[in-house]
Amino acid sequence: MKPISRKRPLWKKVLKVSGITLLILLLVFGGLLVYACYAYREQPAESYYLSELPLTRDRFDADFEEIHHTVVENYSLYRRKGIDMDSLYRVYAGRVARAETTTDYGLLVREYIAALQAGHASTPFALYTAGDYPVVIHDSLFVNHPNSYLLQSGFRNKDRIVAIDDIPVLQ
């Protein structure tokens, strides 16, 4: 007697191959996703208020020199913009040497970065901001619906601002 051969229907073969292909694609996609999440994870830069920078005055020069070398090694557009990095360093290194406080030093670093004329470059210094904006009416500034921070600081809605840091608003 001749054995009876059972052939699988074509749709079952197609379904099996499609399932294996889909499983392989899912594994590849999952592997790429895991790789992207872990390989490209950047540590956020620490942010300090200028007055709280963890530097002593005697470290300003070395810290600024390190910043300058990092910029020269990683910012290639200064040549195209015609910026003389050696000259820029000499100017700011002299000013850094005269800096008395971390606030003075931090402001100089911000100026140095701004002198690079790179809109995407910035410093990770935290800023004291109220997160709210006054309203200008004619030649006066007024508080407009202050947030909770401003309310806690004593501001009220429609307060007129006459001076900022003892400088009259009209100046």
C-alpha atoms as a PDB file:
ATOM      1  CA  MET A   1       0.000   0.000   0.000  1.00  0.00           C
ATOM      2  CA  LYS A   2       1.125   3.428  -0.838  1.00  0.00           C
ATOM      3  CA  PRO A   3       1.495   5.896   2.096  1.00  0.00           C
ATOM      4  CA  ILE A   4      -0.842   8.838   1.967  1.00  0.00           C
ATOM      5  CA  SER A   5       1.051  12.092   1.895  1.00  0.00           C
ATOM      6  CA  ARG A   6      -0.555  14.985   3.606  1.00  0.00           C
ATOM      7  CA  LYS A   7       0.368  18.271   2.145  1.00  0.00           C
ATOM      8  CA  ARG A   8      -0.195  21.338   4.204  1.00  0.00           C
ATOM      9  CA  PRO A   9      -2.426  23.867   2.606  1.00  0.00           C
ATOM     10  CA  LEU A  10      -0.602  26.820   1.101  1.00  0.00           C
ATOM     11  CA  TRP A  11      -2.263  29.336   3.428  1.00  0.00           C
ATOM     12  CA  LYS A  12      -0.764  27.588   6.472  1.00  0.00           C
ATOM     13  CA  LYS A  13       2.741  27.835   5.002  1.00  0.00           C
ATOM     14  CA  VAL A  14       2.239  31.527   4.178  1.00  0.00           C
ATOM     15  CA  LEU A  15       0.880  32.157   7.671  1.00  0.00           C
ATOM     16  CA  LYS A  16       3.871  30.402   9.296  1.00  0.00           C
ATOM     17  CA  VAL A  17       6.434  32.328   7.192  1.00  0.00           C
ATOM     18  CA  SER A  18       4.603  35.625   7.827  1.00  0.00           C
ATOM     19  CA  GLY A  19       4.539  34.965  11.573  1.00  0.00           C
ATOM     20  CA  ILE A  20       8.260  34.192  11.694  1.00  0.00           C
ATOM     21  CA  THR A  21       9.049  37.293   9.621  1.00  0.00           C
ATOM     22  CA  LEU A  22       6.893  39.482  11.884  1.00  0.00           C
ATOM     23  CA  LEU A  23       8.570  38.044  14.995  1.00  0.00           C
ATOM     24  CA  ILE A  24      12.037  38.770  13.571  1.00  0.00           C
ATOM     25  CA  LEU A  25      11.024  42.338  12.660  1.00  0.00           C
ATOM     26  CA  LEU A  26       9.620  42.929  16.154  1.00  0.00           C
ATOM     27  CA  LEU A  27      12.832  41.626  17.743  1.00  0.00           C
ATOM     28  CA  VAL A  28      14.980  43.844  15.508  1.00  0.00           C
ATOM     29  CA  PHE A  29      12.819  46.914  16.211  1.00  0.00           C
ATOM     30  CA  GLY A  30      12.818  46.188  19.947  1.00  0.00           C
ATOM     31  CA  GLY A  31      16.601  45.785  19.933  1.00  0.00           C
ATOM     32  CA  LEU A  32      17.056  49.091  18.099  1.00  0.00           C
ATOM     33  CA  LEU A  33      14.705  50.819  20.519  1.00  0.00           C
ATOM     34  CA  VAL A  34      16.596  49.493  23.554  1.00  0.00           C
ATOM     35  CA  TYR A  35      19.921  50.473  21.948  1.00  0.00           C
ATOM     36  CA  ALA A  36      18.695  54.000  21.202  1.00  0.00           C
ATOM     37  CA  CYS A  37      17.354  54.472  24.725  1.00  0.00           C
ATOM     38  CA  TYR A  38      20.565  53.427  26.439  1.00  0.00           C
ATOM     39  CA  ALA A  39      23.283  54.441  23.967  1.00  0.00           C
ATOM     40  CA  TYR A  40      22.029  57.966  23.385  1.00  0.00           C
ATOM     41  CA  ARG A  41      20.977  58.788  26.919  1.00  0.00           C
ATOM     42  CA  GLU A  42      22.667  62.015  27.907  1.00  0.00           C
ATOM     43  CA  GLN A  43      23.274  63.068  31.444  1.00  0.00           C
ATOM     44  CA  PRO A  44      21.691  66.457  32.083  1.00  0.00           C
ATOM     45  CA  ALA A  45      24.159  69.239  32.788  1.00  0.00           C
ATOM     46  CA  GLU A  46      24.278  70.352  36.378  1.00  0.00           C
ATOM     47  CA  SER A  47      22.841  73.802  36.762  1.00  0.00           C
ATOM     48  CA  TYR A  48      24.014  76.299  39.378  1.00  0.00           C
ATOM     49  CA  TYR A  49      23.079  79.829  40.267  1.00  0.00           C
ATOM     50  CA  LEU A  50      26.089  82.056  39.613  1.00  0.00           C
ATOM     51  CA  SER A  51      26.475  82.908  43.280  1.00  0.00           C
ATOM     52  CA  GLU A  52      26.532  79.190  44.130  1.00  0.00           C
ATOM     53  CA  LEU A  53      29.106  77.915  41.613  1.00  0.00           C
ATOM     54  CA  PRO A  54      31.269  75.277  43.307  1.00  0.00           C
ATOM     55  CA  LEU A  55      34.492  77.120  42.481  1.00  0.00           C
ATOM     56  CA  THR A  56      36.937  79.097  44.530  1.00  0.00           C
ATOM     57  CA  ARG A  57      38.558  82.219  43.148  1.00  0.00           C
ATOM     58  CA  ASP A  58      41.887  80.429  42.661  1.00  0.00           C
ATOM     59  CA  ARG A  59      40.183  77.925  40.275  1.00  0.00           C
ATOM     60  CA  PHE A  60      38.667  80.527  37.917  1.00  0.00           C
ATOM     61  CA  ASP A  61      41.721  80.611  35.599  1.00  0.00           C
ATOM     62  CA  ALA A  62      42.014  76.813  35.252  1.00  0.00           C
ATOM     63  CA  ASP A  63      38.262  76.398  34.795  1.00  0.00           C
ATOM     64  CA  PHE A  64      38.142  79.078  32.104  1.00  0.00           C
ATOM     65  CA  GLU A  65      41.124  77.541  30.312  1.00  0.00           C
ATOM     66  CA  GLU A  66      39.319  74.173  30.278  1.00  0.00           C
ATOM     67  CA  ILE A  67      36.174  75.821  28.872  1.00  0.00           C
ATOM     68  CA  HIS A  68      38.235  77.539  26.182  1.00  0.00           C
ATOM     69  CA  HIS A  69      39.989  74.317  25.127  1.00  0.00           C
ATOM     70  CA  THR A  70      36.656  72.497  24.978  1.00  0.00           C
ATOM     71  CA  VAL A  71      35.256  75.230  22.724  1.00  0.00           C
ATOM     72  CA  VAL A  72      38.294  75.210  20.421  1.00  0.00           C
ATOM     73  CA  GLU A  73      38.166  71.408  20.078  1.00  0.00           C
ATOM     74  CA  ASN A  74      34.419  71.158  19.515  1.00  0.00           C
ATOM     75  CA  TYR A  75      33.275  74.385  17.845  1.00  0.00           C
ATOM     76  CA  SER A  76      34.548  74.353  14.286  1.00  0.00           C
ATOM     77  CA  LEU A  77      32.566  77.342  12.999  1.00  0.00           C
ATOM     78  CA  TYR A  78      34.774  79.931  14.671  1.00  0.00           C
ATOM     79  CA  ARG A  79      37.125  79.795  11.662  1.00  0.00           C
ATOM     80  CA  ARG A  80      34.308  80.424   9.197  1.00  0.00           C
ATOM     81  CA  LYS A  81      33.045  83.306  11.349  1.00  0.00           C
ATOM     82  CA  GLY A  82      36.532  84.809  11.485  1.00  0.00           C
ATOM     83  CA  ILE A  83      36.799  84.619  15.271  1.00  0.00           C
ATOM     84  CA  ASP A  84      40.371  84.700  16.539  1.00  0.00           C
ATOM     85  CA  MET A  85      40.101  82.259  19.439  1.00  0.00           C
ATOM     86  CA  ASP A  86      43.553  83.086  20.820  1.00  0.00           C
ATOM     87  CA  SER A  87      42.721  86.782  20.968  1.00  0.00           C
ATOM     88  CA  LEU A  88      39.313  86.056  22.488  1.00  0.00           C
ATOM     89  CA  TYR A  89      40.961  83.864  25.117  1.00  0.00           C
ATOM     90  CA  ARG A  90      43.540  86.527  26.028  1.00  0.00           C
ATOM     91  CA  VAL A  91      40.863  89.200  26.455  1.00  0.00           C
ATOM     92  CA  TYR A  92      38.625  87.059  28.634  1.00  0.00           C
ATOM     93  CA  ALA A  93      41.457  85.366  30.551  1.00  0.00           C
ATOM     94  CA  GLY A  94      42.613  88.825  31.667  1.00  0.00           C
ATOM     95  CA  ARG A  95      39.119  89.693  32.822  1.00  0.00           C
ATOM     96  CA  VAL A  96      38.711  86.310  34.543  1.00  0.00           C
ATOM     97  CA  ALA A  97      41.940  86.940  36.466  1.00  0.00           C
ATOM     98  CA  ARG A  98      40.350  90.095  37.907  1.00  0.00           C
ATOM     99  CA  ALA A  99      37.017  88.427  38.786  1.00  0.00           C
ATOM    100  CA  GLU A 100      36.317  88.584  42.510  1.00  0.00           C
ATOM    101  CA  THR A 101      33.180  86.463  42.915  1.00  0.00           C
ATOM    102  CA  THR A 102      31.603  83.448  41.270  1.00  0.00           C
ATOM    103  CA  THR A 103      28.894  85.763  39.947  1.00  0.00           C
ATOM    104  CA  ASP A 104      31.548  87.916  38.231  1.00  0.00           C
ATOM    105  CA  TYR A 105      33.180  84.790  36.819  1.00  0.00           C
ATOM    106  CA  GLY A 106      29.891  83.269  35.633  1.00  0.00           C
ATOM    107  CA  LEU A 107      28.879  86.468  33.860  1.00  0.00           C
ATOM    108  CA  LEU A 108      32.254  86.542  32.088  1.00  0.00           C
ATOM    109  CA  VAL A 109      31.777  82.949  30.929  1.00  0.00           C
ATOM    110  CA  ARG A 110      28.346  83.894  29.589  1.00  0.00           C
ATOM    111  CA  GLU A 111      29.888  86.855  27.719  1.00  0.00           C
ATOM    112  CA  TYR A 112      32.603  84.595  26.305  1.00  0.00           C
ATOM    113  CA  ILE A 113      30.025  82.086  25.023  1.00  0.00           C
ATOM    114  CA  ALA A 114      27.962  84.942  23.554  1.00  0.00           C
ATOM    115  CA  ALA A 115      31.073  86.250  21.757  1.00  0.00           C
ATOM    116  CA  LEU A 116      31.164  82.971  19.808  1.00  0.00           C
ATOM    117  CA  GLN A 117      28.062  84.157  17.938  1.00  0.00           C
ATOM    118  CA  ALA A 118      26.513  80.691  18.179  1.00  0.00           C
ATOM    119  CA  GLY A 119      22.791  80.797  18.790  1.00  0.00           C
ATOM    120  CA  HIS A 120      22.746  77.190  19.964  1.00  0.00           C
ATOM    121  CA  ALA A 121      25.502  77.603  22.572  1.00  0.00           C
ATOM    122  CA  SER A 122      24.641  78.534  26.119  1.00  0.00           C
ATOM    123  CA  THR A 123      25.754  78.056  29.688  1.00  0.00           C
ATOM    124  CA  PRO A 124      23.922  75.795  32.132  1.00  0.00           C
ATOM    125  CA  PHE A 125      23.666  78.505  34.773  1.00  0.00           C
ATOM    126  CA  ALA A 126      20.330  78.724  36.535  1.00  0.00           C
ATOM    127  CA  LEU A 127      18.677  82.115  36.462  1.00  0.00           C
ATOM    128  CA  TYR A 128      16.521  83.843  39.006  1.00  0.00           C
ATOM    129  CA  THR A 129      13.311  84.577  37.149  1.00  0.00           C
ATOM    130  CA  ALA A 130       9.775  85.211  38.234  1.00  0.00           C
ATOM    131  CA  GLY A 131       8.310  83.432  35.217  1.00  0.00           C
ATOM    132  CA  ASP A 132       5.824  86.224  34.638  1.00  0.00           C
ATOM    133  CA  TYR A 133       5.704  89.300  32.448  1.00  0.00           C
ATOM    134  CA  PRO A 134       4.526  92.835  33.201  1.00  0.00           C
ATOM    135  CA  VAL A 135       2.113  94.770  31.032  1.00  0.00           C
ATOM    136  CA  VAL A 136       3.259  98.028  29.434  1.00  0.00           C
ATOM    137  CA  ILE A 137       0.652 100.781  29.439  1.00  0.00           C
ATOM    138  CA  HIS A 138       1.916 104.048  27.965  1.00  0.00           C
ATOM    139  CA  ASP A 139       5.201 104.624  29.809  1.00  0.00           C
ATOM    140  CA  SER A 140       4.484 102.453  32.857  1.00  0.00           C
ATOM    141  CA  LEU A 141       4.860  98.811  33.808  1.00  0.00           C
ATOM    142  CA  PHE A 142       2.125  96.984  35.674  1.00  0.00           C
ATOM    143  CA  VAL A 143       1.878  93.530  37.248  1.00  0.00           C
ATOM    144  CA  ASN A 144      -0.776  91.551  35.394  1.00  0.00           C
ATOM    145  CA  HIS A 145      -2.287  88.509  37.122  1.00  0.00           C
ATOM    146  CA  PRO A 146       0.839  87.594  39.118  1.00  0.00           C
ATOM    147  CA  ASN A 147       1.739  83.942  39.594  1.00  0.00           C
ATOM    148  CA  SER A 148       2.030  82.377  43.047  1.00  0.00           C
ATOM    149  CA  TYR A 149       5.741  83.203  43.285  1.00  0.00           C
ATOM    150  CA  LEU A 150       5.084  86.909  42.760  1.00  0.00           C
ATOM    151  CA  LEU A 151       2.111  86.838  45.134  1.00  0.00           C
ATOM    152  CA  GLN A 152       4.298  85.293  47.848  1.00  0.00           C
ATOM    153  CA  SER A 153       6.861  88.035  47.191  1.00  0.00           C
ATOM    154  CA  GLY A 154       4.285  90.737  47.917  1.00  0.00           C
ATOM    155  CA  PHE A 155       3.146  91.696  44.423  1.00  0.00           C
ATOM    156  CA  ARG A 156      -0.552  92.250  43.742  1.00  0.00           C
ATOM    157  CA  ASN A 157      -2.520  92.454  40.511  1.00  0.00           C
ATOM    158  CA  LYS A 158      -2.191  95.839  38.810  1.00  0.00           C
ATOM    159  CA  ASP A 159       0.746  96.980  40.992  1.00  0.00           C
ATOM    160  CA  ARG A 160       2.728  99.678  39.198  1.00  0.00           C
ATOM    161  CA  ILE A 161       6.450  98.933  38.843  1.00  0.00           C
ATOM    162  CA  VAL A 162       8.398 102.159  39.284  1.00  0.00           C
ATOM    163  CA  ALA A 163      11.964 100.774  39.486  1.00  0.00           C
ATOM    164  CA  ILE A 164      13.904  97.540  38.997  1.00  0.00           C
ATOM    165  CA  ASP A 165      17.048  97.096  41.102  1.00  0.00           C
ATOM    166  CA  ASP A 166      16.745 100.780  42.115  1.00  0.00           C
ATOM    167  CA  ILE A 167      16.804 101.864  38.457  1.00  0.00           C
ATOM    168  CA  PRO A 168      13.706 103.869  37.500  1.00  0.00           C
ATOM    169  CA  VAL A 169      11.682 102.193  34.768  1.00  0.00           C
ATOM    170  CA  LEU A 170      11.658 105.341  32.663  1.00  0.00           C
ATOM    171  CA  GLN A 171      15.449 105.204  32.194  1.00  0.00           C
END
